[in-house]
């Protein structure tokens, strides 16, 4: 019996459902409809690639994402799949009643990996286009922290005033360029979490801005909701300052803590 269908993953088109009983067909990626396919099935899974792994017959969730990833989930294990293949993949789905199966899925990729899913029974199946999502919007991200600090840089240091936000350099924009009460130009790098990469980035900005004599003398400050211990040590070694800020306090979500002296 011929393949149920064969397609590059991520190329699921509206007429696939009507063609699933036909001979094998190769379809090029189409932008007309990209869907998430969810199949709850009794199945066994075998993986051959960097290692060999086998999952015996059981009820599992098979997920074929529009981006081409194939994941096998169980009811346990939280968000992590039992097995998966990242895109690009090619899925061949073959009816195999002679082996007592509803179908056999064979997923391959250019790396030579192979995921074989023997489907004994399909309990539920749905194909749904999710479209392009807006992405995760996090409260307290760098852009909002930067905006709040630009409005009142004196929360970092008394007398600090803003010269320019997103000050351009030949290696990228500096988050905040400020002037301190002692006359120093202060380069402020804003991160949600301050780590060693943030310290290195601040150092590169200072190195470039030192070339402009109008800005000297300069010093740098790494600002974050939380600064990693390693970053604090590196700041001290390089003569940089670091400041941890309370995001909720900055945006007025809670009053400042009162201390009785």
C-alpha atoms as a PDB file:
ATOM      1  CA  UNK A   1       0.000   0.000   0.000  1.00  0.00           C
ATOM      2  CA  UNK A   2       1.264   3.474  -0.831  1.00  0.00           C
ATOM      3  CA  UNK A   3       2.274   6.134   1.655  1.00  0.00           C
ATOM      4  CA  UNK A   4      -0.532   7.982   3.317  1.00  0.00           C
ATOM      5  CA  UNK A   5       1.296  11.194   2.600  1.00  0.00           C
ATOM      6  CA  UNK A   6       4.816  12.509   2.434  1.00  0.00           C
ATOM      7  CA  UNK A   7       5.756  16.124   2.983  1.00  0.00           C
ATOM      8  CA  UNK A   8       8.468  18.470   4.203  1.00  0.00           C
ATOM      9  CA  UNK A   9       7.342  19.498   7.676  1.00  0.00           C
ATOM     10  CA  UNK A  10       5.967  22.978   7.924  1.00  0.00           C
ATOM     11  CA  UNK A  11       4.382  22.546   4.494  1.00  0.00           C
ATOM     12  CA  UNK A  12       0.925  21.359   5.548  1.00  0.00           C
ATOM     13  CA  UNK A  13      -1.603  22.796   3.107  1.00  0.00           C
ATOM     14  CA  UNK A  14      -5.425  22.960   3.263  1.00  0.00           C
ATOM     15  CA  UNK A  15      -5.908  20.064   0.846  1.00  0.00           C
ATOM     16  CA  UNK A  16      -3.685  17.643   2.810  1.00  0.00           C
ATOM     17  CA  UNK A  17      -6.646  16.251   4.740  1.00  0.00           C
ATOM     18  CA  UNK A  18      -8.488  15.342   1.538  1.00  0.00           C
ATOM     19  CA  UNK A  19      -5.372  13.642   0.102  1.00  0.00           C
ATOM     20  CA  UNK A  20      -4.372  11.520   3.052  1.00  0.00           C
ATOM     21  CA  UNK A  21      -5.705   8.358   1.452  1.00  0.00           C
ATOM     22  CA  UNK A  22      -3.827   8.933  -1.794  1.00  0.00           C
ATOM     23  CA  UNK A  23      -0.413   7.816  -2.941  1.00  0.00           C
ATOM     24  CA  UNK A  24       2.751   9.405  -1.597  1.00  0.00           C
ATOM     25  CA  UNK A  25       3.051  13.036  -2.561  1.00  0.00           C
ATOM     26  CA  UNK A  26       5.837  15.528  -1.978  1.00  0.00           C
ATOM     27  CA  UNK A  27       4.770  19.073  -1.289  1.00  0.00           C
ATOM     28  CA  UNK A  28       6.992  22.094  -1.244  1.00  0.00           C
ATOM     29  CA  UNK A  29       6.610  24.532   1.665  1.00  0.00           C
ATOM     30  CA  UNK A  30       3.537  26.687   1.266  1.00  0.00           C
ATOM     31  CA  UNK A  31       2.696  29.920   3.042  1.00  0.00           C
ATOM     32  CA  UNK A  32      -1.029  29.419   2.437  1.00  0.00           C
ATOM     33  CA  UNK A  33      -1.589  27.673   5.759  1.00  0.00           C
ATOM     34  CA  UNK A  34       0.861  26.612   8.445  1.00  0.00           C
ATOM     35  CA  UNK A  35      -0.746  24.521  11.152  1.00  0.00           C
ATOM     36  CA  UNK A  36      -0.149  22.851  14.472  1.00  0.00           C
ATOM     37  CA  UNK A  37      -1.074  19.152  14.305  1.00  0.00           C
ATOM     38  CA  UNK A  38      -1.949  17.362  17.563  1.00  0.00           C
ATOM     39  CA  UNK A  39      -2.561  13.618  17.621  1.00  0.00           C
ATOM     40  CA  UNK A  40      -3.425  11.609  20.730  1.00  0.00           C
ATOM     41  CA  UNK A  41      -2.592   8.031  19.836  1.00  0.00           C
ATOM     42  CA  UNK A  42      -1.580   4.659  21.174  1.00  0.00           C
ATOM     43  CA  UNK A  43       1.898   4.334  19.741  1.00  0.00           C
ATOM     44  CA  UNK A  44       5.432   3.021  20.084  1.00  0.00           C
ATOM     45  CA  UNK A  45       8.419   5.219  19.272  1.00  0.00           C
ATOM     46  CA  UNK A  46      11.930   4.311  18.149  1.00  0.00           C
ATOM     47  CA  UNK A  47      14.781   6.793  17.636  1.00  0.00           C
ATOM     48  CA  UNK A  48      18.027   6.155  15.745  1.00  0.00           C
ATOM     49  CA  UNK A  49      20.660   8.876  15.616  1.00  0.00           C
ATOM     50  CA  UNK A  50      23.227  10.043  18.132  1.00  0.00           C
ATOM     51  CA  UNK A  51      21.955   7.140  20.242  1.00  0.00           C
ATOM     52  CA  UNK A  52      19.188   4.537  20.116  1.00  0.00           C
ATOM     53  CA  UNK A  53      16.060   4.897  22.241  1.00  0.00           C
ATOM     54  CA  UNK A  54      12.732   3.076  22.365  1.00  0.00           C
ATOM     55  CA  UNK A  55       9.353   3.852  23.933  1.00  0.00           C
ATOM     56  CA  UNK A  56       6.988   0.860  24.159  1.00  0.00           C
ATOM     57  CA  UNK A  57       3.330   1.025  23.150  1.00  0.00           C
ATOM     58  CA  UNK A  58       1.333   3.540  25.211  1.00  0.00           C
ATOM     59  CA  UNK A  59      -1.023   6.483  24.792  1.00  0.00           C
ATOM     60  CA  UNK A  60       0.925   9.639  23.969  1.00  0.00           C
ATOM     61  CA  UNK A  61       0.526  13.088  22.447  1.00  0.00           C
ATOM     62  CA  UNK A  62       2.216  13.556  19.061  1.00  0.00           C
ATOM     63  CA  UNK A  63       2.845  17.183  18.171  1.00  0.00           C
ATOM     64  CA  UNK A  64       3.814  18.326  14.682  1.00  0.00           C
ATOM     65  CA  UNK A  65       4.501  22.054  14.842  1.00  0.00           C
ATOM     66  CA  UNK A  66       4.203  24.420  11.912  1.00  0.00           C
ATOM     67  CA  UNK A  67       7.911  25.224  12.191  1.00  0.00           C
ATOM     68  CA  UNK A  68       8.708  21.573  11.403  1.00  0.00           C
ATOM     69  CA  UNK A  69       9.453  20.191  14.864  1.00  0.00           C
ATOM     70  CA  UNK A  70       8.019  16.816  15.891  1.00  0.00           C
ATOM     71  CA  UNK A  71       7.554  16.103  19.606  1.00  0.00           C
ATOM     72  CA  UNK A  72       6.332  13.063  21.526  1.00  0.00           C
ATOM     73  CA  UNK A  73       4.776  13.881  24.906  1.00  0.00           C
ATOM     74  CA  UNK A  74       3.473  11.834  27.823  1.00  0.00           C
ATOM     75  CA  UNK A  75       1.178  12.901  30.657  1.00  0.00           C
ATOM     76  CA  UNK A  76       4.229  13.188  32.930  1.00  0.00           C
ATOM     77  CA  UNK A  77       7.472  15.065  32.471  1.00  0.00           C
ATOM     78  CA  UNK A  78       5.997  18.579  32.575  1.00  0.00           C
ATOM     79  CA  UNK A  79       6.805  20.524  29.397  1.00  0.00           C
ATOM     80  CA  UNK A  80       9.691  18.334  28.233  1.00  0.00           C
ATOM     81  CA  UNK A  81       8.936  15.831  25.422  1.00  0.00           C
ATOM     82  CA  UNK A  82       9.973  12.194  25.693  1.00  0.00           C
ATOM     83  CA  UNK A  83      11.499  12.453  22.234  1.00  0.00           C
ATOM     84  CA  UNK A  84      11.670  15.063  19.521  1.00  0.00           C
ATOM     85  CA  UNK A  85      13.174  16.041  16.173  1.00  0.00           C
ATOM     86  CA  UNK A  86      13.923  19.669  15.392  1.00  0.00           C
ATOM     87  CA  UNK A  87      13.343  21.123  11.926  1.00  0.00           C
ATOM     88  CA  UNK A  88      13.977  20.719   9.062  1.00  0.00           C
ATOM     89  CA  UNK A  89      12.375  17.283   8.862  1.00  0.00           C
ATOM     90  CA  UNK A  90      10.618  15.077   6.333  1.00  0.00           C
ATOM     91  CA  UNK A  91       7.591  13.107   7.531  1.00  0.00           C
ATOM     92  CA  UNK A  92       6.394   9.997   5.685  1.00  0.00           C
ATOM     93  CA  UNK A  93       3.131   8.554   7.023  1.00  0.00           C
ATOM     94  CA  UNK A  94       2.375   5.044   5.764  1.00  0.00           C
ATOM     95  CA  UNK A  95      -0.754   2.931   6.397  1.00  0.00           C
ATOM     96  CA  UNK A  96       0.441  -0.436   7.768  1.00  0.00           C
ATOM     97  CA  UNK A  97      -2.657  -2.573   8.523  1.00  0.00           C
ATOM     98  CA  UNK A  98      -0.724  -5.713   7.599  1.00  0.00           C
ATOM     99  CA  UNK A  99       1.348  -5.143  10.777  1.00  0.00           C
ATOM    100  CA  UNK A 100      -1.693  -4.444  12.942  1.00  0.00           C
ATOM    101  CA  UNK A 101      -1.023  -0.699  12.898  1.00  0.00           C
ATOM    102  CA  UNK A 102      -3.084   2.253  11.759  1.00  0.00           C
ATOM    103  CA  UNK A 103       0.038   3.869  10.326  1.00  0.00           C
ATOM    104  CA  UNK A 104       3.786   4.276  10.656  1.00  0.00           C
ATOM    105  CA  UNK A 105       5.333   7.729  10.819  1.00  0.00           C
ATOM    106  CA  UNK A 106       8.934   8.018   9.681  1.00  0.00           C
ATOM    107  CA  UNK A 107      10.602  11.339  10.443  1.00  0.00           C
ATOM    108  CA  UNK A 108      14.071  11.994   9.016  1.00  0.00           C
ATOM    109  CA  UNK A 109      16.379  14.988   8.865  1.00  0.00           C
ATOM    110  CA  UNK A 110      19.578  15.982   7.018  1.00  0.00           C
ATOM    111  CA  UNK A 111      21.681  14.874  10.020  1.00  0.00           C
ATOM    112  CA  UNK A 112      20.726  11.255   9.369  1.00  0.00           C
ATOM    113  CA  UNK A 113      18.505  10.963  12.436  1.00  0.00           C
ATOM    114  CA  UNK A 114      15.334   8.886  12.212  1.00  0.00           C
ATOM    115  CA  UNK A 115      12.251   8.859  14.430  1.00  0.00           C
ATOM    116  CA  UNK A 116       9.826   5.982  13.772  1.00  0.00           C
ATOM    117  CA  UNK A 117       6.366   6.177  15.342  1.00  0.00           C
ATOM    118  CA  UNK A 118       4.166   3.085  15.082  1.00  0.00           C
ATOM    119  CA  UNK A 119       0.580   4.254  15.574  1.00  0.00           C
ATOM    120  CA  UNK A 120      -1.737   1.466  16.700  1.00  0.00           C
ATOM    121  CA  UNK A 121      -4.815   3.648  17.238  1.00  0.00           C
ATOM    122  CA  UNK A 122      -5.628   7.341  16.828  1.00  0.00           C
ATOM    123  CA  UNK A 123      -7.834   8.512  19.703  1.00  0.00           C
ATOM    124  CA  UNK A 124      -8.078  12.163  18.730  1.00  0.00           C
ATOM    125  CA  UNK A 125      -6.580  14.431  16.074  1.00  0.00           C
ATOM    126  CA  UNK A 126      -6.796  18.137  15.365  1.00  0.00           C
ATOM    127  CA  UNK A 127      -5.060  20.450  12.889  1.00  0.00           C
ATOM    128  CA  UNK A 128      -5.222  24.137  13.733  1.00  0.00           C
ATOM    129  CA  UNK A 129      -3.410  27.173  12.283  1.00  0.00           C
ATOM    130  CA  UNK A 130      -2.135  29.257  15.201  1.00  0.00           C
ATOM    131  CA  UNK A 131      -0.805  32.115  13.098  1.00  0.00           C
ATOM    132  CA  UNK A 132       2.044  34.396  14.105  1.00  0.00           C
ATOM    133  CA  UNK A 133       1.915  35.216  17.795  1.00  0.00           C
ATOM    134  CA  UNK A 134       3.048  38.497  19.336  1.00  0.00           C
ATOM    135  CA  UNK A 135       5.662  36.750  21.473  1.00  0.00           C
ATOM    136  CA  UNK A 136       6.107  36.822  25.223  1.00  0.00           C
ATOM    137  CA  UNK A 137       5.842  40.252  26.802  1.00  0.00           C
ATOM    138  CA  UNK A 138       7.622  40.293  30.148  1.00  0.00           C
ATOM    139  CA  UNK A 139       7.010  42.818  32.864  1.00  0.00           C
ATOM    140  CA  UNK A 140      10.255  44.477  33.841  1.00  0.00           C
ATOM    141  CA  UNK A 141      12.165  43.971  30.600  1.00  0.00           C
ATOM    142  CA  UNK A 142      15.166  46.070  29.772  1.00  0.00           C
ATOM    143  CA  UNK A 143      13.278  48.544  27.576  1.00  0.00           C
ATOM    144  CA  UNK A 144      10.848  49.511  30.355  1.00  0.00           C
ATOM    145  CA  UNK A 145      13.583  49.661  32.962  1.00  0.00           C
ATOM    146  CA  UNK A 146      15.543  51.912  30.632  1.00  0.00           C
ATOM    147  CA  UNK A 147      12.501  54.137  30.145  1.00  0.00           C
ATOM    148  CA  UNK A 148      11.899  54.455  33.890  1.00  0.00           C
ATOM    149  CA  UNK A 149      15.551  55.221  34.628  1.00  0.00           C
ATOM    150  CA  UNK A 150      15.736  57.766  31.819  1.00  0.00           C
ATOM    151  CA  UNK A 151      12.852  59.593  33.480  1.00  0.00           C
ATOM    152  CA  UNK A 152      14.757  59.885  36.755  1.00  0.00           C
ATOM    153  CA  UNK A 153      18.406  58.787  36.635  1.00  0.00           C
ATOM    154  CA  UNK A 154      18.975  60.291  40.095  1.00  0.00           C
ATOM    155  CA  UNK A 155      17.632  57.040  41.596  1.00  0.00           C
ATOM    156  CA  UNK A 156      20.989  55.559  40.575  1.00  0.00           C
ATOM    157  CA  UNK A 157      23.134  58.376  41.910  1.00  0.00           C
ATOM    158  CA  UNK A 158      22.236  61.713  43.488  1.00  0.00           C
ATOM    159  CA  UNK A 159      22.613  64.564  41.001  1.00  0.00           C
ATOM    160  CA  UNK A 160      22.742  62.293  37.926  1.00  0.00           C
ATOM    161  CA  UNK A 161      21.009  63.844  34.896  1.00  0.00           C
ATOM    162  CA  UNK A 162      20.240  62.389  31.479  1.00  0.00           C
ATOM    163  CA  UNK A 163      22.176  63.576  28.436  1.00  0.00           C
ATOM    164  CA  UNK A 164      20.724  61.158  25.897  1.00  0.00           C
ATOM    165  CA  UNK A 165      18.914  57.854  25.755  1.00  0.00           C
ATOM    166  CA  UNK A 166      20.130  55.289  23.179  1.00  0.00           C
ATOM    167  CA  UNK A 167      23.309  57.269  22.491  1.00  0.00           C
ATOM    168  CA  UNK A 168      24.795  55.922  19.265  1.00  0.00           C
ATOM    169  CA  UNK A 169      28.289  54.467  18.943  1.00  0.00           C
ATOM    170  CA  UNK A 170      29.932  52.546  16.107  1.00  0.00           C
ATOM    171  CA  UNK A 171      29.337  49.276  17.987  1.00  0.00           C
ATOM    172  CA  UNK A 172      25.748  49.926  19.058  1.00  0.00           C
ATOM    173  CA  UNK A 173      23.683  52.312  21.190  1.00  0.00           C
ATOM    174  CA  UNK A 174      24.441  53.075  24.821  1.00  0.00           C
ATOM    175  CA  UNK A 175      21.305  52.686  26.945  1.00  0.00           C
ATOM    176  CA  UNK A 176      21.715  55.917  28.935  1.00  0.00           C
ATOM    177  CA  UNK A 177      24.376  58.594  28.681  1.00  0.00           C
ATOM    178  CA  UNK A 178      24.297  60.781  31.790  1.00  0.00           C
ATOM    179  CA  UNK A 179      26.172  63.594  33.512  1.00  0.00           C
ATOM    180  CA  UNK A 180      27.137  63.256  37.172  1.00  0.00           C
ATOM    181  CA  UNK A 181      27.371  66.045  39.721  1.00  0.00           C
ATOM    182  CA  UNK A 182      31.178  65.689  39.720  1.00  0.00           C
ATOM    183  CA  UNK A 183      31.280  66.389  35.970  1.00  0.00           C
ATOM    184  CA  UNK A 184      31.915  62.821  34.843  1.00  0.00           C
ATOM    185  CA  UNK A 185      30.041  61.388  31.879  1.00  0.00           C
ATOM    186  CA  UNK A 186      28.352  58.236  33.121  1.00  0.00           C
ATOM    187  CA  UNK A 187      27.623  55.351  30.743  1.00  0.00           C
ATOM    188  CA  UNK A 188      24.698  53.298  32.033  1.00  0.00           C
ATOM    189  CA  UNK A 189      24.049  49.778  30.731  1.00  0.00           C
ATOM    190  CA  UNK A 190      20.600  48.458  31.700  1.00  0.00           C
ATOM    191  CA  UNK A 191      19.891  44.723  31.991  1.00  0.00           C
ATOM    192  CA  UNK A 192      17.054  42.711  33.477  1.00  0.00           C
ATOM    193  CA  UNK A 193      19.717  40.464  34.978  1.00  0.00           C
ATOM    194  CA  UNK A 194      23.284  41.684  35.111  1.00  0.00           C
ATOM    195  CA  UNK A 195      25.854  39.059  34.194  1.00  0.00           C
ATOM    196  CA  UNK A 196      29.403  38.910  32.850  1.00  0.00           C
ATOM    197  CA  UNK A 197      28.240  39.593  29.287  1.00  0.00           C
ATOM    198  CA  UNK A 198      26.689  42.863  30.474  1.00  0.00           C
ATOM    199  CA  UNK A 199      29.974  43.894  32.115  1.00  0.00           C
ATOM    200  CA  UNK A 200      31.867  43.152  28.899  1.00  0.00           C
ATOM    201  CA  UNK A 201      29.344  45.135  26.871  1.00  0.00           C
ATOM    202  CA  UNK A 202      29.640  48.132  29.189  1.00  0.00           C
ATOM    203  CA  UNK A 203      33.429  47.969  28.931  1.00  0.00           C
ATOM    204  CA  UNK A 204      33.286  48.006  25.125  1.00  0.00           C
ATOM    205  CA  UNK A 205      31.053  51.088  25.123  1.00  0.00           C
ATOM    206  CA  UNK A 206      33.390  52.919  27.500  1.00  0.00           C
ATOM    207  CA  UNK A 207      36.373  52.054  25.303  1.00  0.00           C
ATOM    208  CA  UNK A 208      34.696  53.540  22.236  1.00  0.00           C
ATOM    209  CA  UNK A 209      33.393  56.658  24.003  1.00  0.00           C
ATOM    210  CA  UNK A 210      36.846  57.379  25.460  1.00  0.00           C
ATOM    211  CA  UNK A 211      37.863  58.288  21.914  1.00  0.00           C
ATOM    212  CA  UNK A 212      35.624  61.373  22.140  1.00  0.00           C
ATOM    213  CA  UNK A 213      37.531  63.931  24.213  1.00  0.00           C
ATOM    214  CA  UNK A 214      34.333  65.935  24.810  1.00  0.00           C
ATOM    215  CA  UNK A 215      32.950  63.119  26.960  1.00  0.00           C
ATOM    216  CA  UNK A 216      35.971  62.619  29.199  1.00  0.00           C
ATOM    217  CA  UNK A 217      36.258  61.752  32.024  1.00  0.00           C
ATOM    218  CA  UNK A 218      33.947  58.749  31.841  1.00  0.00           C
ATOM    219  CA  UNK A 219      32.833  56.005  34.150  1.00  0.00           C
ATOM    220  CA  UNK A 220      30.388  53.148  33.758  1.00  0.00           C
ATOM    221  CA  UNK A 221      27.501  51.684  35.736  1.00  0.00           C
ATOM    222  CA  UNK A 222      25.801  48.315  35.210  1.00  0.00           C
ATOM    223  CA  UNK A 223      22.162  48.475  36.314  1.00  0.00           C
ATOM    224  CA  UNK A 224      19.890  45.449  36.740  1.00  0.00           C
ATOM    225  CA  UNK A 225      17.138  44.026  38.883  1.00  0.00           C
ATOM    226  CA  UNK A 226      19.693  41.451  39.975  1.00  0.00           C
ATOM    227  CA  UNK A 227      23.447  41.441  39.407  1.00  0.00           C
ATOM    228  CA  UNK A 228      25.200  38.072  39.434  1.00  0.00           C
ATOM    229  CA  UNK A 229      28.031  37.637  41.966  1.00  0.00           C
ATOM    230  CA  UNK A 230      30.551  37.010  39.170  1.00  0.00           C
ATOM    231  CA  UNK A 231      29.475  40.243  37.477  1.00  0.00           C
ATOM    232  CA  UNK A 232      29.965  42.185  40.722  1.00  0.00           C
ATOM    233  CA  UNK A 233      33.506  40.837  41.043  1.00  0.00           C
ATOM    234  CA  UNK A 234      34.315  41.691  37.420  1.00  0.00           C
ATOM    235  CA  UNK A 235      32.906  45.216  37.807  1.00  0.00           C
ATOM    236  CA  UNK A 236      35.115  45.823  40.799  1.00  0.00           C
ATOM    237  CA  UNK A 237      38.180  44.471  38.970  1.00  0.00           C
ATOM    238  CA  UNK A 238      37.539  46.801  36.016  1.00  0.00           C
ATOM    239  CA  UNK A 239      36.695  49.899  38.008  1.00  0.00           C
ATOM    240  CA  UNK A 240      33.003  49.853  37.108  1.00  0.00           C
ATOM    241  CA  UNK A 241      30.018  50.371  39.386  1.00  0.00           C
ATOM    242  CA  UNK A 242      26.887  48.251  39.644  1.00  0.00           C
ATOM    243  CA  UNK A 243      23.440  49.071  41.000  1.00  0.00           C
ATOM    244  CA  UNK A 244      20.503  46.750  41.677  1.00  0.00           C
ATOM    245  CA  UNK A 245      17.101  48.414  41.237  1.00  0.00           C
ATOM    246  CA  UNK A 246      13.644  47.462  42.455  1.00  0.00           C
ATOM    247  CA  UNK A 247      11.389  47.435  39.393  1.00  0.00           C
ATOM    248  CA  UNK A 248       8.135  47.505  41.358  1.00  0.00           C
ATOM    249  CA  UNK A 249       9.359  50.489  43.338  1.00  0.00           C
ATOM    250  CA  UNK A 250      10.471  52.331  40.200  1.00  0.00           C
ATOM    251  CA  UNK A 251       7.096  51.982  38.525  1.00  0.00           C
ATOM    252  CA  UNK A 252       5.200  52.853  41.714  1.00  0.00           C
ATOM    253  CA  UNK A 253       3.679  49.418  42.184  1.00  0.00           C
ATOM    254  CA  UNK A 254       4.528  49.518  45.888  1.00  0.00           C
ATOM    255  CA  UNK A 255       5.626  52.183  48.385  1.00  0.00           C
ATOM    256  CA  UNK A 256       9.221  52.306  49.579  1.00  0.00           C
ATOM    257  CA  UNK A 257      10.086  50.361  52.706  1.00  0.00           C
ATOM    258  CA  UNK A 258      10.055  52.572  55.776  1.00  0.00           C
ATOM    259  CA  UNK A 259      12.944  52.170  58.204  1.00  0.00           C
ATOM    260  CA  UNK A 260      12.774  53.374  61.812  1.00  0.00           C
ATOM    261  CA  UNK A 261      16.116  54.692  63.053  1.00  0.00           C
END
